[in-house]
């Protein structure tokens, strides 16, 4: 038998996560279990724990982002006021060179403070005299509405997903590096054991009385 064939089984056979957990805490009484096998089980158990912690941290981050943006949107809503404006000219596009291509139109509206005329965003093709909804700030200036609930949920989901990807990648990288070190350690221990066992193994077939 070649050394390569003998070392084919240098890794421990497939073990369930529960089996790794038992081995990691020293409750596996298998006499063939080597220290390197226990170290590998501790690595698997630690990686599983880190994966759980990653999911929990990502969920916490998503909840915190959702809560913060919801509070901001609620606070901003108190300073936004919906009025109806009437366009005084046709819709026109913004300058594409400015990085924005939207339809705007001159319009007039009524509000206790601030200007009562300006340019407001409108649907494409809006004609003069069209009534359009406009959101104003406390100073009476056209402004954007608070973030919608769908956008807030999307932001929170993206933050959670980003946390999973970043922390998960770190965990996976750490696991791969540690596993490679354990594989090299297993190779060395198996080769040392084979050097001790191989002469006796060979002697059983080539000893006195053995048929040649």
Protein backbone atom coordinates (compact mmCIF):
# COMPACT_ATOMS: atom_id res chain seq x y z
CA UNK A 1 0.00 0.00 0.00
CA UNK A 2 1.38 3.41 -0.93
CA UNK A 3 1.70 6.29 1.50
CA UNK A 4 -0.72 8.30 -0.68
CA UNK A 5 -3.33 5.56 -0.41
CA UNK A 6 -2.80 5.23 3.31
CA UNK A 7 -3.12 8.95 3.91
CA UNK A 8 -6.36 9.09 1.94
CA UNK A 9 -8.23 8.77 5.20
CA UNK A 10 -6.24 11.32 7.16
CA UNK A 11 -9.37 13.48 7.66
CA UNK A 12 -12.09 12.45 10.06
CA UNK A 13 -15.19 11.01 8.36
CA UNK A 14 -18.23 13.18 7.85
CA UNK A 15 -19.65 14.25 11.20
CA UNK A 16 -22.90 16.04 11.93
CA UNK A 17 -22.89 19.45 13.60
CA UNK A 18 -24.17 17.79 16.77
CA UNK A 19 -21.30 15.30 16.58
CA UNK A 20 -18.80 18.14 16.17
CA UNK A 21 -20.32 19.89 19.18
CA UNK A 22 -19.97 16.77 21.33
CA UNK A 23 -16.41 16.26 20.18
CA UNK A 24 -15.55 19.92 20.72
CA UNK A 25 -16.49 19.73 24.41
CA UNK A 26 -14.76 16.37 24.90
CA UNK A 27 -17.84 14.16 25.07
CA UNK A 28 -16.83 12.01 22.09
CA UNK A 29 -15.32 8.78 23.50
CA UNK A 30 -14.20 7.40 20.15
CA UNK A 31 -10.70 5.98 20.78
CA UNK A 32 -9.71 6.71 17.18
CA UNK A 33 -10.43 10.42 17.60
CA UNK A 34 -7.17 12.34 17.39
CA UNK A 35 -6.37 15.75 18.92
CA UNK A 36 -6.44 17.26 15.43
CA UNK A 37 -9.97 15.86 14.97
CA UNK A 38 -11.07 17.55 18.17
CA UNK A 39 -9.45 20.78 17.03
CA UNK A 40 -11.33 20.58 13.75
CA UNK A 41 -14.60 20.01 15.59
CA UNK A 42 -13.93 23.04 17.76
CA UNK A 43 -13.34 25.02 14.58
CA UNK A 44 -16.64 23.85 13.08
CA UNK A 45 -18.53 24.59 16.30
CA UNK A 46 -16.96 28.06 16.57
CA UNK A 47 -17.80 28.80 12.93
CA UNK A 48 -21.41 27.76 13.44
CA UNK A 49 -21.63 29.99 16.51
CA UNK A 50 -20.09 32.89 14.60
CA UNK A 51 -22.60 32.37 11.77
CA UNK A 52 -25.44 32.59 14.29
CA UNK A 53 -23.95 35.73 15.81
CA UNK A 54 -23.58 37.21 12.31
CA UNK A 55 -27.28 36.69 11.60
CA UNK A 56 -28.24 38.20 14.95
CA UNK A 57 -26.00 41.24 14.44
CA UNK A 58 -27.34 41.75 10.92
CA UNK A 59 -30.90 41.59 12.24
CA UNK A 60 -30.09 44.10 14.99
CA UNK A 61 -28.45 46.44 12.47
CA UNK A 62 -31.46 46.22 10.17
CA UNK A 63 -33.88 46.94 13.02
CA UNK A 64 -31.82 49.91 14.20
CA UNK A 65 -31.68 51.38 10.69
CA UNK A 66 -35.40 50.87 10.22
CA UNK A 67 -36.16 52.50 13.55
CA UNK A 68 -33.82 55.45 12.94
CA UNK A 69 -35.12 56.15 9.44
CA UNK A 70 -38.73 55.77 10.59
CA UNK A 71 -38.13 58.31 13.36
CA UNK A 72 -36.45 60.68 10.89
CA UNK A 73 -39.31 60.33 8.42
CA UNK A 74 -41.88 60.92 11.15
CA UNK A 75 -40.01 64.01 12.37
CA UNK A 76 -39.60 65.30 8.80
CA UNK A 77 -43.30 64.76 8.10
CA UNK A 78 -44.12 67.32 10.78
CA UNK A 79 -42.25 69.92 8.72
CA UNK A 80 -43.68 69.03 5.33
CA UNK A 81 -46.95 70.44 4.06
CA UNK A 82 -48.94 69.25 1.07
CA UNK A 83 -50.59 71.94 -1.09
CA UNK A 84 -52.01 72.05 -4.59
CA UNK A 85 -50.21 74.14 -7.19
CA UNK A 86 -51.37 75.16 -10.66
CA UNK A 87 -48.84 75.16 -13.47
CA UNK A 88 -48.32 78.43 -15.29
CA UNK A 89 -46.29 76.93 -18.11
CA UNK A 90 -45.62 73.63 -19.87
CA UNK A 91 -43.37 70.92 -18.50
CA UNK A 92 -39.70 71.04 -19.44
CA UNK A 93 -36.73 68.76 -18.83
CA UNK A 94 -33.80 69.57 -16.60
CA UNK A 95 -30.41 70.00 -18.19
CA UNK A 96 -29.06 66.45 -18.72
CA UNK A 97 -25.55 67.76 -18.13
CA UNK A 98 -26.52 68.47 -14.52
CA UNK A 99 -26.99 64.75 -13.93
CA UNK A 100 -30.77 64.90 -13.63
CA UNK A 101 -33.42 64.48 -16.31
CA UNK A 102 -36.78 65.32 -14.75
CA UNK A 103 -39.84 67.16 -15.88
CA UNK A 104 -40.49 70.49 -14.16
CA UNK A 105 -42.94 73.29 -14.77
CA UNK A 106 -43.48 76.79 -13.39
CA UNK A 107 -46.40 76.88 -10.98
CA UNK A 108 -48.20 79.00 -8.41
CA UNK A 109 -49.61 77.95 -5.04
CA UNK A 110 -51.00 79.45 -1.86
CA UNK A 111 -49.20 79.16 1.48
CA UNK A 112 -49.00 81.53 4.48
CA UNK A 113 -45.23 82.03 4.24
CA UNK A 114 -42.55 81.97 1.56
CA UNK A 115 -42.81 82.41 -2.18
CA UNK A 116 -46.01 81.48 -3.95
CA UNK A 117 -44.42 80.58 -7.26
CA UNK A 118 -41.56 78.46 -8.54
CA UNK A 119 -40.67 75.33 -10.44
CA UNK A 120 -42.13 72.05 -9.27
CA UNK A 121 -41.68 68.46 -10.49
CA UNK A 122 -44.51 67.31 -12.75
CA UNK A 123 -45.33 64.28 -14.89
CA UNK A 124 -44.02 64.28 -18.43
CA UNK A 125 -46.29 66.13 -20.82
CA UNK A 126 -47.99 68.31 -18.17
CA UNK A 127 -49.63 71.33 -19.78
CA UNK A 128 -50.33 74.83 -18.49
CA UNK A 129 -53.16 75.08 -15.97
CA UNK A 130 -52.74 71.59 -14.54
CA UNK A 131 -53.26 71.12 -10.81
CA UNK A 132 -50.36 69.18 -9.26
CA UNK A 133 -49.63 68.24 -5.63
CA UNK A 134 -46.62 70.01 -4.12
CA UNK A 135 -44.80 69.41 -0.83
CA UNK A 136 -43.49 72.53 0.93
CA UNK A 137 -41.21 72.93 3.91
CA UNK A 138 -41.89 75.27 6.83
CA UNK A 139 -40.41 78.17 4.86
CA UNK A 140 -42.81 77.59 1.98
CA UNK A 141 -40.15 76.25 -0.37
CA UNK A 142 -40.84 73.18 -2.55
CA UNK A 143 -39.23 70.17 -0.93
CA UNK A 144 -39.21 66.42 -1.15
CA UNK A 145 -41.56 64.25 0.93
CA UNK A 146 -40.32 62.03 3.77
CA UNK A 147 -38.99 58.63 2.83
CA UNK A 148 -41.73 56.11 2.23
CA UNK A 149 -42.12 52.97 4.29
CA UNK A 150 -41.07 50.81 1.34
CA UNK A 151 -37.80 52.71 0.94
CA UNK A 152 -37.10 52.47 4.66
CA UNK A 153 -37.66 48.70 4.59
CA UNK A 154 -35.39 48.43 1.55
CA UNK A 155 -32.63 50.39 3.31
CA UNK A 156 -32.89 48.21 6.40
CA UNK A 157 -32.81 45.03 4.32
CA UNK A 158 -29.74 46.23 2.41
CA UNK A 159 -27.94 47.04 5.66
CA UNK A 160 -28.78 43.61 7.06
CA UNK A 161 -27.68 41.87 3.88
CA UNK A 162 -24.47 43.89 3.77
CA UNK A 163 -23.69 42.95 7.36
CA UNK A 164 -24.26 39.27 6.58
CA UNK A 165 -21.99 39.43 3.52
CA UNK A 166 -19.17 41.29 5.29
CA UNK A 167 -19.22 39.35 8.56
CA UNK A 168 -19.91 36.07 6.75
CA UNK A 169 -16.95 36.61 4.44
CA UNK A 170 -14.69 37.29 7.42
CA UNK A 171 -15.92 34.15 9.16
CA UNK A 172 -15.46 32.04 6.04
CA UNK A 173 -11.96 33.40 5.46
CA UNK A 174 -10.99 32.64 9.06
CA UNK A 175 -12.48 29.14 8.79
CA UNK A 176 -10.60 28.36 5.55
CA UNK A 177 -7.26 29.53 6.97
CA UNK A 178 -7.69 27.55 10.17
CA UNK A 179 -8.83 24.44 8.29
CA UNK A 180 -5.76 24.56 6.06
CA UNK A 181 -3.52 24.73 9.11
CA UNK A 182 -5.33 21.78 10.64
CA UNK A 183 -5.06 19.84 7.37
CA UNK A 184 -1.30 20.36 7.34
CA UNK A 185 -1.15 19.34 10.98
CA UNK A 186 -3.18 16.22 10.20
CA UNK A 187 -0.86 15.37 7.30
CA UNK A 188 2.19 15.61 9.52
CA UNK A 189 0.67 13.52 12.32
CA UNK A 190 -0.55 10.87 9.88
CA UNK A 191 2.82 10.57 8.18
CA UNK A 192 4.52 10.20 11.57
CA UNK A 193 2.05 7.50 12.60
CA UNK A 194 2.48 5.72 9.27
CA UNK A 195 6.24 5.62 9.74
CA UNK A 196 5.71 3.79 13.02
CA UNK A 197 3.04 1.42 11.73
CA UNK A 198 4.36 0.60 8.26
CA UNK A 199 7.26 -1.68 9.35
CA UNK A 200 4.92 -3.82 11.47
CA UNK A 201 2.35 -3.85 8.70
CA UNK A 202 4.96 -5.00 6.22
CA UNK A 203 6.34 -7.57 8.65
CA UNK A 204 3.01 -9.31 8.93
CA UNK A 205 3.20 -10.25 5.28
CA UNK A 206 6.92 -10.76 4.98
CA UNK A 207 7.73 -12.36 8.33
CA UNK A 208 8.81 -15.96 8.94
CA UNK A 209 6.44 -18.45 7.42
CA UNK A 210 4.77 -15.92 5.20
CA UNK A 211 4.05 -17.19 1.72
CA UNK A 212 6.08 -15.36 -0.91
